[in-house]
Amino acid sequence: MCLIVAVFLIDDVVVADPATNTDVPPDQRGLGVVFQDYAVWPHMTVFDNIAYPLKLKNIEKQALHKQVMEVVELVNLTGFRRTFTFSIIRRTTTACCSRKGISC
């Protein structure tokens, strides 16, 4: 039997390591995840979805804007930052269905 053990790091900080019994609780890892699902937040733009975890941490407005724009550029969504997520998902789904020749 082969056992694979993984160590998880966030910003070079070990947050999970079974060998040392390290397990930082998810809410203390300094990591925010916002799923881009129109069924969850259809009223939010791409910018708002990315900004959401930062707003929960009460990040100052200018710093929040700077961090969000860095992420928007990193994931190549600069032209979509004011677009509502449901419209991006719909376009992506329609394009995918069209390429595969199926009805969406």
C-alpha atoms as a PDB file:
ATOM      1  CA  MET A   1       0.000   0.000   0.000  1.00  0.00           C
ATOM      2  CA  CYS A   2       1.244   3.461  -0.924  1.00  0.00           C
ATOM      3  CA  LEU A   3       0.399   6.417   1.279  1.00  0.00           C
ATOM      4  CA  ILE A   4       0.747   9.929  -0.122  1.00  0.00           C
ATOM      5  CA  VAL A   5       1.119  12.727   2.410  1.00  0.00           C
ATOM      6  CA  ALA A   6       0.785  16.338   1.301  1.00  0.00           C
ATOM      7  CA  VAL A   7       1.813  19.542   3.007  1.00  0.00           C
ATOM      8  CA  PHE A   8      -0.298  22.606   2.136  1.00  0.00           C
ATOM      9  CA  LEU A   9       1.214  26.081   2.189  1.00  0.00           C
ATOM     10  CA  ILE A  10      -0.364  29.508   1.755  1.00  0.00           C
ATOM     11  CA  ASP A  11       2.154  32.325   1.320  1.00  0.00           C
ATOM     12  CA  ASP A  12       4.930  29.996   2.539  1.00  0.00           C
ATOM     13  CA  VAL A  13       3.022  29.260   5.771  1.00  0.00           C
ATOM     14  CA  VAL A  14       2.177  25.624   6.494  1.00  0.00           C
ATOM     15  CA  VAL A  15      -1.578  25.351   6.992  1.00  0.00           C
ATOM     16  CA  ALA A  16      -1.862  21.556   6.841  1.00  0.00           C
ATOM     17  CA  ASP A  17       0.749  18.897   7.462  1.00  0.00           C
ATOM     18  CA  PRO A  18      -0.278  15.443   8.687  1.00  0.00           C
ATOM     19  CA  ALA A  19       3.312  14.605   9.677  1.00  0.00           C
ATOM     20  CA  THR A  20       3.405  17.386  12.270  1.00  0.00           C
ATOM     21  CA  ASN A  21      -0.320  17.327  13.010  1.00  0.00           C
ATOM     22  CA  THR A  22      -0.598  20.923  11.748  1.00  0.00           C
ATOM     23  CA  ASP A  23      -4.115  21.957  10.756  1.00  0.00           C
ATOM     24  CA  VAL A  24      -4.885  25.676  10.708  1.00  0.00           C
ATOM     25  CA  PRO A  25      -8.694  26.125  10.655  1.00  0.00           C
ATOM     26  CA  PRO A  26      -9.946  27.349   7.241  1.00  0.00           C
ATOM     27  CA  ASP A  27     -11.275  30.630   8.657  1.00  0.00           C
ATOM     28  CA  GLN A  28      -7.783  31.462   9.967  1.00  0.00           C
ATOM     29  CA  ARG A  29      -5.877  30.768   6.734  1.00  0.00           C
ATOM     30  CA  GLY A  30      -6.286  34.250   5.232  1.00  0.00           C
ATOM     31  CA  LEU A  31      -7.769  32.861   2.048  1.00  0.00           C
ATOM     32  CA  GLY A  32     -11.073  33.846   0.471  1.00  0.00           C
ATOM     33  CA  VAL A  33     -12.995  31.824  -2.075  1.00  0.00           C
ATOM     34  CA  VAL A  34     -15.958  33.154  -3.987  1.00  0.00           C
ATOM     35  CA  PHE A  35     -17.532  30.749  -6.446  1.00  0.00           C
ATOM     36  CA  GLN A  36     -18.572  32.364  -9.732  1.00  0.00           C
ATOM     37  CA  ASP A  37     -22.038  30.828  -9.810  1.00  0.00           C
ATOM     38  CA  TYR A  38     -24.928  32.958 -11.021  1.00  0.00           C
ATOM     39  CA  ALA A  39     -27.318  30.973  -8.842  1.00  0.00           C
ATOM     40  CA  VAL A  40     -25.548  32.274  -5.741  1.00  0.00           C
ATOM     41  CA  TRP A  41     -25.018  35.994  -6.471  1.00  0.00           C
ATOM     42  CA  PRO A  42     -26.667  37.012  -9.743  1.00  0.00           C
ATOM     43  CA  HIS A  43     -26.698  40.654  -8.621  1.00  0.00           C
ATOM     44  CA  MET A  44     -22.910  40.908  -8.262  1.00  0.00           C
ATOM     45  CA  THR A  45     -20.348  41.860 -10.884  1.00  0.00           C
ATOM     46  CA  VAL A  46     -17.011  40.130 -11.357  1.00  0.00           C
ATOM     47  CA  PHE A  47     -15.418  42.959  -9.355  1.00  0.00           C
ATOM     48  CA  ASP A  48     -17.942  42.551  -6.516  1.00  0.00           C
ATOM     49  CA  ASN A  49     -17.438  38.787  -6.377  1.00  0.00           C
ATOM     50  CA  ILE A  50     -13.671  39.178  -6.075  1.00  0.00           C
ATOM     51  CA  ALA A  51     -14.049  42.028  -3.553  1.00  0.00           C
ATOM     52  CA  TYR A  52     -16.509  40.168  -1.317  1.00  0.00           C
ATOM     53  CA  PRO A  53     -14.006  38.391   0.988  1.00  0.00           C
ATOM     54  CA  LEU A  54     -11.974  41.603   1.286  1.00  0.00           C
ATOM     55  CA  LYS A  55     -15.079  43.573   2.281  1.00  0.00           C
ATOM     56  CA  LEU A  56     -15.744  41.015   5.007  1.00  0.00           C
ATOM     57  CA  LYS A  57     -12.259  41.768   6.358  1.00  0.00           C
ATOM     58  CA  ASN A  58     -13.015  45.533   6.323  1.00  0.00           C
ATOM     59  CA  ILE A  59     -10.137  46.299   3.958  1.00  0.00           C
ATOM     60  CA  GLU A  60      -9.775  50.036   3.283  1.00  0.00           C
ATOM     61  CA  LYS A  61     -11.525  51.052   0.037  1.00  0.00           C
ATOM     62  CA  GLN A  62      -8.446  52.091  -1.962  1.00  0.00           C
ATOM     63  CA  ALA A  63      -6.484  48.991  -0.920  1.00  0.00           C
ATOM     64  CA  LEU A  64      -9.486  46.803  -1.735  1.00  0.00           C
ATOM     65  CA  HIS A  65      -9.792  48.318  -5.212  1.00  0.00           C
ATOM     66  CA  LYS A  66      -6.065  47.845  -5.856  1.00  0.00           C
ATOM     67  CA  GLN A  67      -6.113  44.192  -4.741  1.00  0.00           C
ATOM     68  CA  VAL A  68      -9.242  43.387  -6.747  1.00  0.00           C
ATOM     69  CA  MET A  69      -7.809  44.968  -9.900  1.00  0.00           C
ATOM     70  CA  GLU A  70      -4.601  42.931  -9.478  1.00  0.00           C
ATOM     71  CA  VAL A  71      -6.678  39.743  -9.395  1.00  0.00           C
ATOM     72  CA  VAL A  72      -8.875  40.871 -12.316  1.00  0.00           C
ATOM     73  CA  GLU A  73      -5.730  41.425 -14.410  1.00  0.00           C
ATOM     74  CA  LEU A  74      -4.135  38.185 -13.208  1.00  0.00           C
ATOM     75  CA  VAL A  75      -7.067  36.090 -14.454  1.00  0.00           C
ATOM     76  CA  ASN A  76      -7.496  38.112 -17.687  1.00  0.00           C
ATOM     77  CA  LEU A  77     -10.941  39.530 -16.819  1.00  0.00           C
ATOM     78  CA  THR A  78     -10.035  43.213 -17.136  1.00  0.00           C
ATOM     79  CA  GLY A  79     -12.762  43.902 -19.693  1.00  0.00           C
ATOM     80  CA  PHE A  80     -15.340  42.025 -17.594  1.00  0.00           C
ATOM     81  CA  ARG A  81     -14.897  43.629 -14.168  1.00  0.00           C
ATOM     82  CA  ARG A  82     -18.245  45.446 -14.440  1.00  0.00           C
ATOM     83  CA  THR A  83     -20.020  42.478 -16.012  1.00  0.00           C
ATOM     84  CA  PHE A  84     -22.483  40.455 -13.998  1.00  0.00           C
ATOM     85  CA  THR A  85     -21.266  36.919 -13.489  1.00  0.00           C
ATOM     86  CA  PHE A  86     -24.447  35.306 -14.830  1.00  0.00           C
ATOM     87  CA  SER A  87     -23.888  36.858 -18.261  1.00  0.00           C
ATOM     88  CA  ILE A  88     -20.320  35.516 -18.451  1.00  0.00           C
ATOM     89  CA  ILE A  89     -21.451  32.062 -17.385  1.00  0.00           C
ATOM     90  CA  ARG A  90     -24.288  32.128 -19.913  1.00  0.00           C
ATOM     91  CA  ARG A  91     -21.955  33.197 -22.752  1.00  0.00           C
ATOM     92  CA  THR A  92     -19.400  30.550 -21.801  1.00  0.00           C
ATOM     93  CA  THR A  93     -22.055  27.833 -21.589  1.00  0.00           C
ATOM     94  CA  THR A  94     -23.601  28.865 -24.919  1.00  0.00           C
ATOM     95  CA  ALA A  95     -20.204  28.926 -26.655  1.00  0.00           C
ATOM     96  CA  CYS A  96     -19.316  25.532 -25.198  1.00  0.00           C
ATOM     97  CA  CYS A  97     -22.635  24.031 -26.277  1.00  0.00           C
ATOM     98  CA  SER A  98     -22.277  25.511 -29.769  1.00  0.00           C
ATOM     99  CA  ARG A  99     -18.813  24.003 -30.224  1.00  0.00           C
ATOM    100  CA  LYS A 100     -20.115  20.611 -29.142  1.00  0.00           C
ATOM    101  CA  GLY A 101     -23.279  20.903 -31.221  1.00  0.00           C
ATOM    102  CA  ILE A 102     -25.683  20.475 -28.309  1.00  0.00           C
ATOM    103  CA  SER A 103     -28.599  22.527 -27.076  1.00  0.00           C
ATOM    104  CA  CYS A 104     -28.095  24.612 -23.928  1.00  0.00           C
END
